[in-house]
N, C-alpha and C. Protein backbone atom coordinates (compact mmCIF):
# COMPACT_ATOMS: atom_id res chain seq x y z
N UNK A 1 0.68 122.62 127.14
CA UNK A 1 1.44 122.47 128.56
C UNK A 1 2.84 122.17 128.67
N UNK A 2 3.33 123.20 129.47
CA UNK A 2 5.13 122.93 129.65
C UNK A 2 4.69 121.78 130.94
N UNK A 3 6.06 120.78 130.86
CA UNK A 3 6.04 120.16 132.27
C UNK A 3 7.07 120.66 133.04
N UNK A 4 6.42 120.57 134.02
CA UNK A 4 7.63 120.57 135.42
C UNK A 4 9.08 120.10 134.85
N UNK A 5 10.11 120.84 134.96
CA UNK A 5 11.43 120.09 134.71
C UNK A 5 11.91 119.41 136.26
N UNK A 6 12.86 117.75 135.51
CA UNK A 6 13.42 117.42 136.92
C UNK A 6 14.23 117.72 137.78
N UNK A 7 14.61 118.34 138.57
CA UNK A 7 15.77 118.42 139.31
C UNK A 7 17.15 117.94 139.02
N UNK A 8 16.71 116.75 138.93
CA UNK A 8 18.09 115.65 138.72
C UNK A 8 19.52 116.48 137.98
N UNK A 9 20.50 115.84 138.31
CA UNK A 9 21.57 116.77 137.51
C UNK A 9 22.47 115.51 137.50
N UNK A 10 21.98 114.31 137.19
CA UNK A 10 22.92 113.36 137.05
C UNK A 10 24.30 112.77 137.77
N UNK A 11 24.04 112.93 139.33
CA UNK A 11 24.91 112.68 140.18
C UNK A 11 23.54 112.08 141.34
N UNK A 12 23.75 110.32 141.02
CA UNK A 12 22.84 110.22 141.73
C UNK A 12 23.20 109.43 142.90
N UNK A 13 23.37 109.74 143.94
CA UNK A 13 23.87 109.08 145.62
C UNK A 13 23.38 109.33 146.48
N UNK A 14 22.57 108.26 146.91
CA UNK A 14 21.25 107.83 148.21
C UNK A 14 22.07 108.21 149.60
N UNK A 15 22.22 109.24 150.07
CA UNK A 15 22.93 109.11 151.48
C UNK A 15 21.28 108.57 152.58
N UNK A 16 22.12 107.40 152.91
CA UNK A 16 21.58 106.20 154.09
C UNK A 16 20.71 107.11 155.33
N UNK A 17 21.93 108.08 156.02
CA UNK A 17 21.22 108.46 156.76
C UNK A 17 19.57 108.90 156.68
N UNK A 18 19.60 109.77 155.46
CA UNK A 18 18.13 110.58 155.35
C UNK A 18 17.25 110.08 154.37
N UNK A 19 18.25 109.59 153.29
CA UNK A 19 17.21 109.13 152.10
C UNK A 19 16.82 109.91 150.83
N UNK A 20 17.60 110.82 151.24
CA UNK A 20 17.75 112.44 149.75
C UNK A 20 18.71 111.50 149.22
N UNK A 21 18.83 111.92 147.94
CA UNK A 21 19.81 111.80 146.69
C UNK A 21 20.75 113.33 147.19
N UNK A 22 21.82 112.64 147.47
CA UNK A 22 22.72 113.97 147.29
C UNK A 22 23.20 115.08 146.30
N UNK A 23 22.28 114.26 144.47
CA UNK A 23 22.47 115.52 143.95
C UNK A 23 21.42 115.93 143.90
N UNK A 24 20.05 115.65 143.70
CA UNK A 24 18.47 116.13 143.35
C UNK A 24 17.99 116.39 144.55
N UNK A 25 18.03 115.82 146.26
CA UNK A 25 17.62 116.15 146.76
C UNK A 25 15.95 115.27 146.91
N UNK A 26 16.13 114.38 146.34
CA UNK A 26 14.92 113.72 146.21
C UNK A 26 14.79 112.60 147.11
N UNK A 27 13.46 111.88 147.46
CA UNK A 27 13.78 110.34 147.86
C UNK A 27 13.46 109.40 146.75
N UNK A 28 13.95 108.28 146.81
CA UNK A 28 13.64 107.02 145.70
C UNK A 28 12.20 106.99 145.41
N UNK A 29 11.24 107.17 146.03
CA UNK A 29 9.73 107.34 145.30
C UNK A 29 9.93 108.65 144.93
N UNK A 30 10.13 109.74 145.12
CA UNK A 30 9.98 110.72 144.22
C UNK A 30 10.56 110.22 142.86
N UNK A 31 12.29 110.26 142.95
CA UNK A 31 12.33 109.86 141.51
C UNK A 31 11.80 109.06 140.54
N UNK A 32 11.42 108.02 141.38
CA UNK A 32 10.85 107.00 140.49
C UNK A 32 9.81 107.30 140.02
N UNK A 33 8.94 107.64 141.13
CA UNK A 33 7.15 108.43 140.35
C UNK A 33 7.21 109.63 139.84
N UNK A 34 8.26 110.01 139.57
CA UNK A 34 8.15 111.43 138.92
C UNK A 34 7.51 111.83 137.52
N UNK A 35 7.88 111.00 136.83
CA UNK A 35 7.12 110.84 135.23
C UNK A 35 5.25 110.78 135.64
N UNK A 36 5.21 110.39 136.63
CA UNK A 36 3.58 110.38 137.02
C UNK A 36 3.16 111.03 137.81
N UNK A 37 3.75 112.59 138.36
CA UNK A 37 3.06 113.19 138.87
C UNK A 37 3.11 113.94 137.93
N UNK A 38 2.15 114.69 138.60
CA UNK A 38 1.25 116.17 138.16
C UNK A 38 2.05 117.36 137.96
N UNK A 39 2.18 118.34 137.55
CA UNK A 39 2.74 119.26 137.85
C UNK A 39 3.07 120.30 139.17
N UNK A 40 1.48 119.81 139.48
CA UNK A 40 1.54 120.30 140.98
C UNK A 40 2.09 119.36 142.12
N UNK A 41 2.23 118.50 141.63
CA UNK A 41 3.03 117.33 142.26
C UNK A 41 4.42 117.82 142.56
N UNK A 42 4.48 117.77 141.37
CA UNK A 42 6.26 118.54 140.81
C UNK A 42 6.49 119.48 141.72
N UNK A 43 6.06 120.65 141.29
CA UNK A 43 6.25 122.04 142.34
C UNK A 43 6.30 121.52 143.69
N UNK A 44 5.38 120.59 144.15
CA UNK A 44 5.70 120.98 145.77
C UNK A 44 6.63 119.92 146.05
N UNK A 45 7.25 118.84 145.53
CA UNK A 45 8.17 117.99 145.32
C UNK A 45 9.90 119.77 145.65
N UNK A 46 9.44 120.16 144.30
CA UNK A 46 10.58 121.18 144.39
C UNK A 46 10.12 122.40 145.29
N UNK A 47 9.63 122.51 146.01
CA UNK A 47 9.62 123.36 146.72
C UNK A 47 9.63 122.89 148.07
N UNK A 48 10.37 121.68 148.27
CA UNK A 48 10.55 121.00 149.31
C UNK A 48 12.50 120.91 149.41
N UNK A 49 12.57 120.88 148.42
CA UNK A 49 14.36 120.70 147.52
C UNK A 49 14.99 121.01 148.66
N UNK A 50 15.49 122.72 148.38
CA UNK A 50 15.83 123.85 149.20
C UNK A 50 15.61 123.27 150.92
N UNK A 51 14.81 123.25 151.63
CA UNK A 51 14.78 122.57 153.28
C UNK A 51 15.50 121.59 152.98
N UNK A 52 15.55 120.65 151.82
CA UNK A 52 16.39 119.47 152.30
C UNK A 52 18.04 119.36 152.23
N UNK A 53 18.67 120.47 151.35
CA UNK A 53 19.46 120.58 151.18
C UNK A 53 20.98 120.82 152.25
N UNK A 54 20.60 121.16 153.18
CA UNK A 54 21.75 121.56 154.70
C UNK A 54 21.52 120.10 155.25
N UNK A 55 20.35 119.28 155.11
CA UNK A 55 20.12 117.83 155.50
C UNK A 55 20.92 116.91 154.39
N UNK A 56 21.03 117.29 153.23
CA UNK A 56 21.43 116.51 152.75
C UNK A 56 23.18 116.34 152.51
N UNK A 57 23.15 117.60 152.43
CA UNK A 57 24.89 117.81 152.44
C UNK A 57 25.94 117.03 153.38
N UNK A 58 26.07 116.02 153.55
CA UNK A 58 26.96 114.54 154.09
C UNK A 58 28.35 114.73 153.30
């Protein structure tokens, strides 16, 4: 079974205003837990990232 890839782009900078990484748009909890998440949980995170981009791009 293939694992869902991480959205990490190696630009780790947390936005203190909304709690999202400016590189991958995940929260610290999502980043820390990534390796333990199921593929379904990872896909759920991925589905939320596009909506976070306008909020995180500051």
